[in-house]
């Protein structure tokens, strides 16, 4: 006797009890033929083989008792309408079919690596993947990006180093070839060691500068070192109020010819920069006006008053004073805006006026 389940009720009742025949779940012609074939098999086989399970395609007919007892209705409907005999092409999956697409992971990893190379972490010791492969053996990995010039100088001795002259500095600043600025080889090695030790004690060079050199207390420390600390400012326009900036000696100056002094102007305000990390034109105008007012005019007064007998004519911009700002990719202290000022032939009295009597690190 046939064990297939009989379809009872009128065609209208069957129509009401069936799943709505939408385009998605309507059986296709191949599947109808398959159903007829499986109904015939179910009538001839009164009992399903013991080894067969719900995954065996030859016993997946809805009229088979094994099919009804072992497979849920939702899975059965899915098999009936979408998989078996469907004309829809199914993409073959490889061994990692359940894993997410690896391409986004690779892109994220590559982006993280690029960000780390451009902006190394300044909290604690530097991560292994941001270490500079060109650093010599026995030297701690640099916690800031080294230029090609720095790497070349690390392989030299101080006796082979040629310091920057004033004319050479002027050419570098005019052409914006700031990557060519270099320190003494021994100074680079000490700077790397000092920076690593400072990061261990203070967490970052920015924290050290704020706490020990500037004595500025931030209102907020951003989680991203690139954003830097937030300070209470007296004037939103940079360099207008003396409480919003401070002039100090550069503790780690470039290798300069004798008589040239390297100063740094630290500012609480944020200077506007372009996508390449260089100053926008309006920020450049603000800096230019500040340098002329504070440095050039003071040197001119010193010359007129005869306070410096060694000072001759030509105290304007480029003759006694030059300034520049490293673009973001070259900065070893990020998040705390600052500009570099180079002066020559200036008396110690005027230097003390600018720096408040502060002296650089020994």
Protein backbone atom coordinates (compact mmCIF):
# COMPACT_ATOMS: atom_id res chain seq x y z
CA UNK A 1 0.00 0.00 0.00
CA UNK A 2 1.31 3.44 -0.91
CA UNK A 3 2.59 5.39 2.12
CA UNK A 4 2.76 8.73 0.36
CA UNK A 5 0.77 11.47 2.03
CA UNK A 6 -2.50 12.11 0.24
CA UNK A 7 -3.53 15.61 -0.68
CA UNK A 8 -6.99 16.17 0.78
CA UNK A 9 -9.54 18.92 0.35
CA UNK A 10 -10.79 20.80 -2.63
CA UNK A 11 -8.40 22.61 -4.98
CA UNK A 12 -9.60 25.87 -3.43
CA UNK A 13 -8.75 24.65 0.09
CA UNK A 14 -5.39 23.41 -1.11
CA UNK A 15 -4.74 26.80 -2.65
CA UNK A 16 -5.54 28.54 0.66
CA UNK A 17 -3.36 26.24 2.73
CA UNK A 18 -0.32 26.35 0.45
CA UNK A 19 2.45 28.89 0.73
CA UNK A 20 1.72 31.93 -1.44
CA UNK A 21 3.22 31.43 -4.84
CA UNK A 22 5.47 34.46 -5.02
CA UNK A 23 8.18 34.66 -7.62
CA UNK A 24 10.75 33.77 -4.97
CA UNK A 25 9.17 30.49 -3.75
CA UNK A 26 7.26 29.31 -6.84
CA UNK A 27 8.48 25.79 -7.81
CA UNK A 28 10.14 25.70 -11.20
CA UNK A 29 9.38 23.10 -13.89
CA UNK A 30 12.46 21.02 -13.09
CA UNK A 31 11.38 20.74 -9.51
CA UNK A 32 7.85 19.65 -10.44
CA UNK A 33 9.33 16.79 -12.42
CA UNK A 34 11.54 15.93 -9.50
CA UNK A 35 8.54 15.82 -7.15
CA UNK A 36 6.69 13.40 -9.40
CA UNK A 37 9.72 11.15 -9.54
CA UNK A 38 10.13 11.20 -5.75
CA UNK A 39 6.41 10.49 -5.18
CA UNK A 40 6.76 7.40 -7.31
CA UNK A 41 9.81 6.28 -5.34
CA UNK A 42 8.03 6.89 -2.05
CA UNK A 43 5.13 4.69 -3.15
CA UNK A 44 7.45 1.83 -4.00
CA UNK A 45 9.63 2.17 -0.86
CA UNK A 46 7.48 1.91 2.25
CA UNK A 47 10.45 2.56 4.57
CA UNK A 48 13.40 4.80 4.11
CA UNK A 49 16.90 3.32 4.49
CA UNK A 50 18.23 3.66 8.01
CA UNK A 51 21.47 5.33 6.86
CA UNK A 52 19.78 8.14 4.99
CA UNK A 53 19.43 11.53 6.62
CA UNK A 54 18.05 14.91 5.83
CA UNK A 55 20.99 15.78 3.63
CA UNK A 56 20.34 13.02 1.08
CA UNK A 57 18.86 14.66 -1.97
CA UNK A 58 17.21 11.49 -3.35
CA UNK A 59 14.88 11.23 -0.31
CA UNK A 60 13.95 14.87 0.05
CA UNK A 61 10.43 14.51 -1.41
CA UNK A 62 7.75 16.18 0.74
CA UNK A 63 5.71 12.95 0.60
CA UNK A 64 8.49 10.95 2.28
CA UNK A 65 7.97 10.38 6.05
CA UNK A 66 11.70 10.70 6.69
CA UNK A 67 11.67 14.06 4.98
CA UNK A 68 8.80 15.34 7.14
CA UNK A 69 10.11 13.99 10.42
CA UNK A 70 13.75 15.00 10.12
CA UNK A 71 13.66 18.35 8.34
CA UNK A 72 11.98 21.50 9.58
CA UNK A 73 9.33 23.15 7.48
CA UNK A 74 11.43 26.25 6.84
CA UNK A 75 14.37 24.20 5.59
CA UNK A 76 12.05 22.00 3.54
CA UNK A 77 10.47 25.04 1.92
CA UNK A 78 13.91 26.43 1.17
CA UNK A 79 14.95 23.17 -0.45
CA UNK A 80 11.75 22.96 -2.44
CA UNK A 81 11.73 26.49 -3.77
CA UNK A 82 15.33 27.63 -4.03
CA UNK A 83 17.93 24.89 -4.12
CA UNK A 84 17.04 21.56 -5.70
CA UNK A 85 16.52 21.83 -9.43
CA UNK A 86 16.67 25.62 -9.37
CA UNK A 87 17.90 27.33 -12.46
CA UNK A 88 19.65 29.95 -10.33
CA UNK A 89 23.41 29.75 -10.59
CA UNK A 90 25.07 29.21 -7.22
CA UNK A 91 28.62 30.41 -6.70
CA UNK A 92 30.99 27.66 -5.67
CA UNK A 93 32.69 28.51 -2.40
CA UNK A 94 36.15 27.56 -1.43
CA UNK A 95 37.45 26.16 1.85
CA UNK A 96 37.02 29.52 3.57
CA UNK A 97 33.38 29.94 2.61
CA UNK A 98 32.33 30.85 6.15
CA UNK A 99 35.11 33.36 6.66
CA UNK A 100 34.69 37.06 5.88
CA UNK A 101 36.19 38.43 2.72
CA UNK A 102 39.94 38.79 3.39
CA UNK A 103 40.37 41.79 1.09
CA UNK A 104 38.95 44.35 3.54
CA UNK A 105 41.21 42.94 6.24
CA UNK A 106 44.23 43.32 4.01
CA UNK A 107 43.25 46.87 3.12
CA UNK A 108 42.76 47.77 6.78
CA UNK A 109 46.09 46.20 7.73
CA UNK A 110 47.84 48.08 4.93
CA UNK A 111 46.23 51.36 5.97
CA UNK A 112 47.16 50.79 9.61
CA UNK A 113 50.73 50.09 8.58
CA UNK A 114 50.88 53.28 6.51
CA UNK A 115 49.41 55.31 9.37
CA UNK A 116 51.91 53.78 11.79
CA UNK A 117 54.81 54.63 9.48
CA UNK A 118 53.58 58.18 8.99
CA UNK A 119 52.49 58.71 12.60
CA UNK A 120 54.34 56.32 14.92
CA UNK A 121 52.88 55.68 18.33
CA UNK A 122 54.33 57.86 21.07
CA UNK A 123 52.98 55.95 24.05
CA UNK A 124 55.60 53.68 25.55
CA UNK A 125 58.05 51.83 23.37
CA UNK A 126 57.51 51.85 19.64
CA UNK A 127 55.64 48.88 18.14
CA UNK A 128 57.70 46.36 16.14
CA UNK A 129 56.02 47.05 12.79
CA UNK A 130 56.86 50.76 13.06
CA UNK A 131 60.56 50.21 13.70
CA UNK A 132 62.84 51.77 11.13
CA UNK A 133 64.70 49.02 9.35
CA UNK A 134 67.52 51.41 8.51
CA UNK A 135 68.48 52.12 12.11
CA UNK A 136 71.97 50.78 12.86
CA UNK A 137 72.54 47.82 15.08
CA UNK A 138 72.82 48.64 18.76
CA UNK A 139 70.62 51.74 18.40
CA UNK A 140 67.11 51.79 19.81
CA UNK A 141 64.35 52.00 17.18
CA UNK A 142 63.51 55.66 16.49
CA UNK A 143 60.13 56.78 17.90
CA UNK A 144 59.76 59.34 15.10
CA UNK A 145 60.20 59.10 11.32
CA UNK A 146 63.76 59.49 10.10
CA UNK A 147 64.45 61.20 6.80
CA UNK A 148 66.88 59.83 4.25
CA UNK A 149 69.32 62.52 5.36
CA UNK A 150 69.06 61.34 8.98
CA UNK A 151 69.74 57.75 8.00
CA UNK A 152 72.76 58.79 5.97
CA UNK A 153 74.13 60.85 8.84
CA UNK A 154 73.72 57.97 11.28
CA UNK A 155 76.31 56.08 9.27
CA UNK A 156 78.79 58.96 9.54
CA UNK A 157 80.89 60.45 12.30
CA UNK A 158 80.82 64.03 13.53
CA UNK A 159 84.18 64.66 11.86
CA UNK A 160 82.59 63.90 8.46
CA UNK A 161 79.58 66.15 9.04
CA UNK A 162 79.26 69.55 7.39
CA UNK A 163 77.04 71.96 9.40
CA UNK A 164 74.45 74.14 7.71
CA UNK A 165 75.58 77.63 6.78
CA UNK A 166 73.21 80.60 6.77
CA UNK A 167 73.04 80.68 2.96
CA UNK A 168 72.43 76.95 2.85
CA UNK A 169 69.59 77.29 5.36
CA UNK A 170 68.06 80.13 3.36
CA UNK A 171 68.06 78.00 0.21
CA UNK A 172 66.45 75.06 2.04
CA UNK A 173 63.69 77.23 3.51
CA UNK A 174 62.95 79.11 0.28
CA UNK A 175 62.62 75.88 -1.70
CA UNK A 176 60.77 74.15 1.19
CA UNK A 177 63.30 71.31 1.03
CA UNK A 178 62.97 70.72 4.77
CA UNK A 179 63.90 67.05 4.49
CA UNK A 180 67.48 68.18 3.84
CA UNK A 181 67.83 69.61 7.36
CA UNK A 182 70.13 67.39 9.38
CA UNK A 183 71.54 67.07 12.88
CA UNK A 184 74.97 66.07 14.00
CA UNK A 185 75.29 62.25 13.88
CA UNK A 186 75.98 62.06 17.61
CA UNK A 187 73.00 64.34 18.29
CA UNK A 188 70.63 62.08 16.33
CA UNK A 189 71.68 59.04 18.36
CA UNK A 190 71.28 60.91 21.65
CA UNK A 191 67.94 62.32 20.50
CA UNK A 192 66.58 58.84 19.74
CA UNK A 193 67.75 57.53 23.10
CA UNK A 194 66.41 60.55 24.99
CA UNK A 195 63.02 60.34 23.24
CA UNK A 196 62.59 56.67 24.06
CA UNK A 197 63.45 57.31 27.71
CA UNK A 198 61.09 60.31 27.81
CA UNK A 199 58.25 58.21 26.42
CA UNK A 200 58.85 55.64 29.13
CA UNK A 201 58.60 58.22 31.90
CA UNK A 202 56.07 60.73 30.53
CA UNK A 203 54.19 58.70 27.93
CA UNK A 204 55.04 61.07 25.09
CA UNK A 205 57.32 63.96 24.18
CA UNK A 206 54.27 66.23 24.09
CA UNK A 207 53.53 65.45 27.74
CA UNK A 208 57.13 66.20 28.67
CA UNK A 209 57.20 69.52 26.81
CA UNK A 210 53.89 70.66 28.34
CA UNK A 211 54.86 69.66 31.87
CA UNK A 212 58.58 70.40 32.12
CA UNK A 213 59.33 73.06 29.49
CA UNK A 214 56.15 75.06 28.93
CA UNK A 215 54.39 74.48 32.27
CA UNK A 216 51.06 74.45 30.46
CA UNK A 217 48.19 72.43 31.92
CA UNK A 218 45.89 71.08 29.22
CA UNK A 219 42.13 71.20 29.66
CA UNK A 220 41.83 67.98 27.66
CA UNK A 221 44.21 65.34 26.35
CA UNK A 222 42.87 63.85 23.13
CA UNK A 223 43.09 60.09 22.72
CA UNK A 224 44.68 60.58 19.31
CA UNK A 225 48.21 62.02 19.72
CA UNK A 226 47.85 63.69 16.32
CA UNK A 227 45.11 65.96 17.70
CA UNK A 228 47.22 67.03 20.66
CA UNK A 229 46.14 68.63 23.92
CA UNK A 230 43.47 71.32 24.25
CA UNK A 231 44.38 74.46 26.21
CA UNK A 232 42.52 77.44 27.59
CA UNK A 233 43.46 80.26 25.23
CA UNK A 234 43.32 84.00 25.79
CA UNK A 235 42.73 84.87 22.11
CA UNK A 236 41.47 82.59 19.34
CA UNK A 237 43.86 84.20 16.85
CA UNK A 238 47.36 82.68 17.12
CA UNK A 239 50.27 84.86 18.33
CA UNK A 240 48.06 87.79 19.36
CA UNK A 241 48.23 87.24 23.13
CA UNK A 242 51.60 86.49 24.75
CA UNK A 243 49.91 84.04 27.14
CA UNK A 244 49.14 81.77 24.19
CA UNK A 245 52.72 81.19 23.06
CA UNK A 246 56.20 80.71 24.50
CA UNK A 247 59.66 81.02 22.96
CA UNK A 248 62.31 78.50 24.00
CA UNK A 249 65.62 77.24 22.76
CA UNK A 250 65.43 74.11 20.67
CA UNK A 251 66.77 71.39 22.94
CA UNK A 252 67.76 69.32 19.89
CA UNK A 253 68.79 71.84 17.22
CA UNK A 254 69.90 71.01 13.71
CA UNK A 255 73.58 71.00 12.89
CA UNK A 256 74.15 74.73 12.42
CA UNK A 257 77.18 76.84 11.74
CA UNK A 258 78.69 78.80 14.62
CA UNK A 259 76.75 81.93 15.54
CA UNK A 260 73.34 80.59 14.46
CA UNK A 261 70.78 79.98 17.22
CA UNK A 262 67.77 77.72 16.85
CA UNK A 263 64.59 78.79 18.69
CA UNK A 264 61.13 77.20 18.84
CA UNK A 265 57.88 79.11 19.29
CA UNK A 266 55.27 76.88 20.94
CA UNK A 267 51.66 77.99 20.51
CA UNK A 268 48.46 76.84 22.21
CA UNK A 269 46.30 77.61 19.18
CA UNK A 270 45.95 75.26 16.25
CA UNK A 271 47.53 76.47 13.02
CA UNK A 272 45.54 75.67 9.88
CA UNK A 273 47.30 73.25 7.55
CA UNK A 274 46.48 71.80 4.13
CA UNK A 275 45.93 68.07 3.43
CA UNK A 276 49.70 67.65 2.90
CA UNK A 277 50.39 68.97 6.42
CA UNK A 278 51.87 72.29 5.28
CA UNK A 279 50.65 75.68 6.50
CA UNK A 280 47.70 77.30 4.79
CA UNK A 281 48.41 80.73 3.31
CA UNK A 282 46.52 82.61 6.05
CA UNK A 283 48.42 80.73 8.77
CA UNK A 284 51.64 81.60 6.98
CA UNK A 285 50.65 85.28 7.01
CA UNK A 286 50.01 85.14 10.77
CA UNK A 287 53.41 83.56 11.40
CA UNK A 288 55.17 86.03 9.11
CA UNK A 289 53.66 89.00 10.93
CA UNK A 290 54.53 87.53 14.33
CA UNK A 291 58.18 86.87 13.40
CA UNK A 292 58.61 90.37 12.03
CA UNK A 293 57.09 91.98 15.12
CA UNK A 294 58.85 89.91 17.78
CA UNK A 295 62.20 89.07 16.21
CA UNK A 296 63.01 91.36 13.29
CA UNK A 297 61.85 94.60 14.94
CA UNK A 298 63.66 93.75 18.19
CA UNK A 299 66.92 93.12 16.34
CA UNK A 300 66.46 96.40 14.46
CA UNK A 301 66.01 98.29 17.75
CA UNK A 302 69.15 96.63 19.10
CA UNK A 303 71.10 97.82 16.08
CA UNK A 304 69.80 101.38 16.29
CA UNK A 305 70.50 101.64 20.01
CA UNK A 306 74.00 100.26 19.53
CA UNK A 307 73.41 97.44 22.02
CA UNK A 308 75.32 95.04 19.80
CA UNK A 309 78.53 96.44 18.36
CA UNK A 310 79.08 93.39 16.17
CA UNK A 311 75.77 93.87 14.35
CA UNK A 312 76.07 95.58 11.00
CA UNK A 313 73.42 96.56 8.50
CA UNK A 314 70.79 94.21 7.17
CA UNK A 315 68.67 93.12 10.11
CA UNK A 316 65.54 92.28 8.10
CA UNK A 317 63.95 88.95 7.34
CA UNK A 318 66.49 86.63 5.75
CA UNK A 319 69.52 88.59 6.93
CA UNK A 320 69.31 87.95 10.66
CA UNK A 321 66.07 86.02 11.04
CA UNK A 322 64.46 83.09 9.22
CA UNK A 323 61.56 80.84 10.16
CA UNK A 324 59.99 77.60 8.98
CA UNK A 325 57.50 74.99 10.12
CA UNK A 326 58.07 71.32 9.43
CA UNK A 327 55.11 69.73 7.69
CA UNK A 328 53.35 67.11 9.74
CA UNK A 329 55.21 64.13 8.30
CA UNK A 330 58.57 65.55 9.46
CA UNK A 331 57.57 66.53 12.98
CA UNK A 332 58.96 64.56 15.90
CA UNK A 333 56.62 66.35 18.36
CA UNK A 334 53.10 66.28 16.98
CA UNK A 335 49.81 67.61 18.23
CA UNK A 336 51.47 70.68 19.80
CA UNK A 337 51.90 73.39 17.18
CA UNK A 338 55.26 75.11 16.94
CA UNK A 339 57.43 76.99 14.47
CA UNK A 340 61.21 77.12 14.16
CA UNK A 341 63.07 80.44 14.18
CA UNK A 342 66.74 80.81 13.23
CA UNK A 343 68.63 83.93 14.27
CA UNK A 344 72.26 84.97 14.04
CA UNK A 345 74.40 87.69 15.58
CA UNK A 346 71.96 88.31 18.45
CA UNK A 347 73.17 89.29 21.91
CA UNK A 348 72.52 87.16 24.95
CA UNK A 349 70.47 89.98 26.45
CA UNK A 350 67.94 89.85 23.62
CA UNK A 351 67.91 86.06 23.69
CA UNK A 352 67.01 86.17 27.38
CA UNK A 353 64.19 88.61 26.62
CA UNK A 354 62.70 86.17 24.11
CA UNK A 355 63.16 82.99 26.14
CA UNK A 356 62.64 84.39 29.63
CA UNK A 357 66.13 83.27 30.63
CA UNK A 358 65.47 79.59 29.91
CA UNK A 359 68.42 77.53 28.80
CA UNK A 360 68.42 74.46 26.54
CA UNK A 361 69.03 70.96 27.79
CA UNK A 362 72.73 70.22 28.44
